[in-house]
Structure formats: structure tokens, C-alpha cells
Amino acid sequence: MDPITFLILMVAALMLLMFCGLEIAWSVGVVATAGLIWYTGQPIDQLAAATWSSLNSFTLTAMPLFILMGNILGNSGVHERLFNAIDK
């Protein structure tokens, strides 16, 4: 299958999933996974292993904790007191 037909098919599948009521993130994930399996011809367990090895890094462990810290500071009101202290 030529790349243009493949692209049109993937975009049509994405639109179909979104029109059926599936959320955008899940629609993109389903279409991307199906496209990787179909286009590369790799088995699903090899794709899972490659995904795990790319996400299993020490650097990425700080990101969820940083987001959690920002959520806690934002919802507790501490950020307003910090900005007021810096302003003075």
C-alpha cells in the first residue's frame, strides 16, 4: 500500500473513532498502535518492549512528582503567599 493511501486510511480511522465518541487521546493511541503494527510489521510484544525501554529512564521519574508538587501548591494556596513574599 502506498503511503498516501495509508495516511488517508489512518486519518479516516482517527475521525471515525472521534465521531463515535472516543476521547482524542485514546483515538490517537489506538490509531498509532494499529498503524505501527500494520506499517512496520513488528509484533505487539516487541512494540511494548521498545516503549517500556524508552520510558524506563531515571530522568522521567521526576516529571510526575514535579507535576504533583505543582498541583499541591496550586490547590493549597501556598503559591499566593510565596509570590507575595517575593514581591515584598
N, C-alpha and C. Protein backbone atom coordinates (compact mmCIF):
# COMPACT_ATOMS: atom_id res chain seq x y z
N MET A 1 0.85 -1.17 0.00
CA MET A 1 0.00 0.00 0.00
C MET A 1 0.89 1.23 0.00
N ASP A 2 0.57 2.19 -0.84
CA ASP A 2 1.39 3.40 -0.90
C ASP A 2 1.13 4.30 0.31
N PRO A 3 2.07 5.16 0.63
CA PRO A 3 1.96 5.96 1.86
C PRO A 3 0.76 6.92 1.88
N ILE A 4 0.35 7.43 0.74
CA ILE A 4 -0.77 8.37 0.72
C ILE A 4 -2.07 7.66 1.09
N THR A 5 -2.28 6.47 0.56
CA THR A 5 -3.47 5.70 0.90
C THR A 5 -3.45 5.31 2.37
N PHE A 6 -2.29 4.94 2.86
CA PHE A 6 -2.14 4.59 4.28
C PHE A 6 -2.47 5.80 5.16
N LEU A 7 -1.99 6.98 4.79
CA LEU A 7 -2.26 8.19 5.55
C LEU A 7 -3.75 8.52 5.55
N ILE A 8 -4.38 8.43 4.41
CA ILE A 8 -5.82 8.71 4.32
C ILE A 8 -6.61 7.71 5.16
N LEU A 9 -6.22 6.47 5.14
CA LEU A 9 -6.90 5.45 5.93
C LEU A 9 -6.74 5.71 7.43
N MET A 10 -5.55 6.09 7.86
CA MET A 10 -5.32 6.36 9.28
C MET A 10 -6.08 7.60 9.76
N VAL A 11 -6.12 8.65 8.94
CA VAL A 11 -6.87 9.85 9.31
C VAL A 11 -8.36 9.54 9.36
N ALA A 12 -8.84 8.74 8.41
CA ALA A 12 -10.26 8.36 8.42
C ALA A 12 -10.59 7.53 9.66
N ALA A 13 -9.70 6.63 10.04
CA ALA A 13 -9.92 5.84 11.25
C ALA A 13 -9.92 6.72 12.49
N LEU A 14 -9.03 7.69 12.53
CA LEU A 14 -8.99 8.62 13.65
C LEU A 14 -10.28 9.42 13.75
N MET A 15 -10.75 9.94 12.64
CA MET A 15 -12.01 10.70 12.64
C MET A 15 -13.19 9.83 13.02
N LEU A 16 -13.21 8.60 12.55
CA LEU A 16 -14.30 7.69 12.87
C LEU A 16 -14.35 7.40 14.37
N LEU A 17 -13.19 7.14 14.96
CA LEU A 17 -13.15 6.89 16.40
C LEU A 17 -13.60 8.11 17.20
N MET A 18 -13.20 9.30 16.76
CA MET A 18 -13.61 10.51 17.48
C MET A 18 -15.10 10.79 17.30
N PHE A 19 -15.63 10.54 16.11
CA PHE A 19 -17.06 10.75 15.90
C PHE A 19 -17.90 9.73 16.65
N CYS A 20 -17.33 8.58 16.94
CA CYS A 20 -18.05 7.56 17.74
C CYS A 20 -18.06 7.91 19.22
N GLY A 21 -17.33 8.94 19.63
CA GLY A 21 -17.36 9.40 21.00
C GLY A 21 -16.15 9.02 21.82
N LEU A 22 -15.16 8.40 21.21
CA LEU A 22 -13.95 8.06 21.94
C LEU A 22 -13.12 9.33 22.13
N GLU A 23 -12.49 9.46 23.28
CA GLU A 23 -11.70 10.65 23.56
C GLU A 23 -10.51 10.74 22.61
N ILE A 24 -10.00 11.97 22.45
CA ILE A 24 -8.94 12.22 21.48
C ILE A 24 -7.68 11.42 21.80
N ALA A 25 -7.29 11.39 23.06
CA ALA A 25 -6.05 10.68 23.42
C ALA A 25 -6.16 9.19 23.12
N TRP A 26 -7.30 8.59 23.46
CA TRP A 26 -7.48 7.16 23.17
C TRP A 26 -7.56 6.91 21.67
N SER A 27 -8.21 7.80 20.94
CA SER A 27 -8.30 7.64 19.48
C SER A 27 -6.93 7.69 18.84
N VAL A 28 -6.12 8.65 19.25
CA VAL A 28 -4.77 8.76 18.69
C VAL A 28 -3.93 7.54 19.08
N GLY A 29 -4.08 7.08 20.31
CA GLY A 29 -3.33 5.90 20.75
C GLY A 29 -3.70 4.65 19.99
N VAL A 30 -4.99 4.44 19.78
CA VAL A 30 -5.44 3.25 19.04
C VAL A 30 -4.96 3.30 17.60
N VAL A 31 -5.11 4.45 16.96
CA VAL A 31 -4.70 4.57 15.56
C VAL A 31 -3.18 4.47 15.43
N ALA A 32 -2.44 5.06 16.36
CA ALA A 32 -0.98 4.98 16.29
C ALA A 32 -0.49 3.55 16.50
N THR A 33 -1.08 2.84 17.45
CA THR A 33 -0.69 1.45 17.68
C THR A 33 -1.03 0.57 16.48
N ALA A 34 -2.24 0.74 15.95
CA ALA A 34 -2.62 -0.04 14.77
C ALA A 34 -1.72 0.29 13.58
N GLY A 35 -1.39 1.57 13.42
CA GLY A 35 -0.51 1.96 12.32
C GLY A 35 0.89 1.41 12.47
N LEU A 36 1.41 1.41 13.70
CA LEU A 36 2.74 0.84 13.92
C LEU A 36 2.78 -0.66 13.64
N ILE A 37 1.76 -1.34 14.10
CA ILE A 37 1.72 -2.78 13.88
C ILE A 37 1.59 -3.09 12.39
N TRP A 38 0.74 -2.34 11.71
CA TRP A 38 0.48 -2.63 10.30
C TRP A 38 1.64 -2.16 9.42
N TYR A 39 2.15 -0.97 9.67
CA TYR A 39 3.16 -0.39 8.79
C TYR A 39 4.54 -1.01 9.00
N THR A 40 4.89 -1.28 10.24
CA THR A 40 6.23 -1.83 10.49
C THR A 40 6.26 -3.35 10.43
N GLY A 41 5.13 -3.97 10.69
CA GLY A 41 5.07 -5.43 10.66
C GLY A 41 5.69 -6.09 11.87
N GLN A 42 5.93 -5.32 12.93
CA GLN A 42 6.52 -5.86 14.15
C GLN A 42 5.42 -6.43 15.05
N PRO A 43 5.73 -7.46 15.79
CA PRO A 43 4.74 -7.99 16.73
C PRO A 43 4.49 -7.02 17.88
N ILE A 44 3.33 -7.12 18.51
CA ILE A 44 2.93 -6.19 19.55
C ILE A 44 3.84 -6.27 20.77
N ASP A 45 4.37 -7.44 21.09
CA ASP A 45 5.24 -7.53 22.27
C ASP A 45 6.57 -6.80 22.04
N GLN A 46 7.04 -6.75 20.81
CA GLN A 46 8.26 -6.00 20.54
C GLN A 46 8.01 -4.50 20.64
N LEU A 47 6.82 -4.04 20.21
CA LEU A 47 6.48 -2.63 20.37
C LEU A 47 6.35 -2.27 21.84
N ALA A 48 5.77 -3.19 22.63
CA ALA A 48 5.64 -2.93 24.07
C ALA A 48 7.00 -2.87 24.74
N ALA A 49 7.91 -3.74 24.35
CA ALA A 49 9.25 -3.73 24.94
C ALA A 49 10.01 -2.46 24.56
N ALA A 50 9.86 -2.01 23.32
CA ALA A 50 10.54 -0.78 22.89
C ALA A 50 9.96 0.43 23.62
N THR A 51 8.65 0.44 23.82
CA THR A 51 8.01 1.55 24.55
C THR A 51 8.48 1.56 25.99
N TRP A 52 8.50 0.39 26.63
CA TRP A 52 8.94 0.33 28.03
C TRP A 52 10.39 0.76 28.18
N SER A 53 11.24 0.33 27.28
CA SER A 53 12.66 0.68 27.40
C SER A 53 12.89 2.17 27.18
N SER A 54 12.07 2.82 26.35
CA SER A 54 12.25 4.25 26.15
C SER A 54 11.68 5.07 27.31
N LEU A 55 10.65 4.55 27.99
CA LEU A 55 10.05 5.27 29.11
C LEU A 55 10.69 4.94 30.44
N ASN A 56 11.50 3.90 30.51
CA ASN A 56 12.10 3.45 31.76
C ASN A 56 13.45 4.15 31.97
N SER A 57 13.38 5.45 32.22
CA SER A 57 14.61 6.20 32.47
C SER A 57 14.49 6.94 33.78
N PHE A 58 15.62 7.16 34.41
CA PHE A 58 15.64 7.83 35.70
C PHE A 58 15.21 9.29 35.58
N THR A 59 15.49 9.90 34.44
CA THR A 59 15.14 11.30 34.24
C THR A 59 13.64 11.52 34.26
N LEU A 60 12.88 10.59 33.69
CA LEU A 60 11.44 10.75 33.61
C LEU A 60 10.73 10.52 34.95
N THR A 61 11.41 10.00 35.94
CA THR A 61 10.75 9.77 37.23
C THR A 61 10.47 11.08 37.95
N ALA A 62 11.20 12.13 37.66
CA ALA A 62 10.98 13.41 38.33
C ALA A 62 9.76 14.14 37.78
N MET A 63 9.35 13.86 36.57
CA MET A 63 8.25 14.61 35.96
C MET A 63 6.92 14.45 36.70
N PRO A 64 6.45 13.23 37.01
CA PRO A 64 5.18 13.13 37.73
C PRO A 64 5.22 13.77 39.11
N LEU A 65 6.36 13.68 39.80
CA LEU A 65 6.47 14.30 41.11
C LEU A 65 6.48 15.82 41.01
N PHE A 66 7.08 16.36 39.96
CA PHE A 66 7.07 17.80 39.75
C PHE A 66 5.65 18.29 39.47
N ILE A 67 4.90 17.54 38.67
CA ILE A 67 3.51 17.90 38.39
C ILE A 67 2.66 17.79 39.65
N LEU A 68 2.88 16.75 40.44
CA LEU A 68 2.15 16.60 41.70
C LEU A 68 2.45 17.75 42.65
N MET A 69 3.72 18.15 42.73
CA MET A 69 4.09 19.27 43.59
C MET A 69 3.40 20.56 43.14
N GLY A 70 3.35 20.79 41.84
CA GLY A 70 2.67 21.97 41.32
C GLY A 70 1.19 21.95 41.62
N ASN A 71 0.57 20.78 41.52
CA ASN A 71 -0.85 20.65 41.84
C ASN A 71 -1.10 20.94 43.31
N ILE A 72 -0.28 20.40 44.17
CA ILE A 72 -0.45 20.61 45.61
C ILE A 72 -0.28 22.09 45.95
N LEU A 73 0.77 22.71 45.42
CA LEU A 73 1.00 24.12 45.70
C LEU A 73 -0.12 25.00 45.13
N GLY A 74 -0.61 24.66 43.96
CA GLY A 74 -1.66 25.45 43.34
C GLY A 74 -3.00 25.34 44.05
N ASN A 75 -3.32 24.16 44.53
CA ASN A 75 -4.61 23.95 45.19
C ASN A 75 -4.61 24.36 46.66
N SER A 76 -3.46 24.43 47.27
CA SER A 76 -3.42 24.77 48.69
C SER A 76 -3.32 26.27 48.94
N GLY A 77 -3.00 27.05 47.94
CA GLY A 77 -2.88 28.49 48.11
C GLY A 77 -1.50 28.95 48.53
N VAL A 78 -0.57 28.03 48.63
CA VAL A 78 0.79 28.39 49.04
C VAL A 78 1.45 29.28 48.00
N HIS A 79 1.11 29.09 46.75
CA HIS A 79 1.77 29.87 45.70
C HIS A 79 1.46 31.36 45.84
N GLU A 80 0.26 31.72 46.31
CA GLU A 80 -0.06 33.14 46.50
C GLU A 80 0.81 33.75 47.60
N ARG A 81 0.99 33.02 48.69
CA ARG A 81 1.83 33.52 49.78
C ARG A 81 3.30 33.61 49.35
N LEU A 82 3.75 32.66 48.52
CA LEU A 82 5.13 32.72 48.03
C LEU A 82 5.35 33.92 47.13
N PHE A 83 4.39 34.19 46.24
CA PHE A 83 4.51 35.34 45.35
C PHE A 83 4.43 36.65 46.14
N ASN A 84 3.59 36.70 47.16
CA ASN A 84 3.52 37.90 48.00
C ASN A 84 4.84 38.11 48.76
N ALA A 85 5.44 37.04 49.23
CA ALA A 85 6.72 37.16 49.94
C ALA A 85 7.82 37.62 48.99
N ILE A 86 7.82 37.13 47.78
CA ILE A 86 8.83 37.54 46.80
C ILE A 86 8.62 38.99 46.40
N ASP A 87 7.35 39.41 46.30
CA ASP A 87 7.02 40.77 45.90
C ASP A 87 7.51 41.79 46.92
N LYS A 88 7.49 41.42 48.19
CA LYS A 88 7.93 42.35 49.23
C LYS A 88 9.43 42.37 49.30
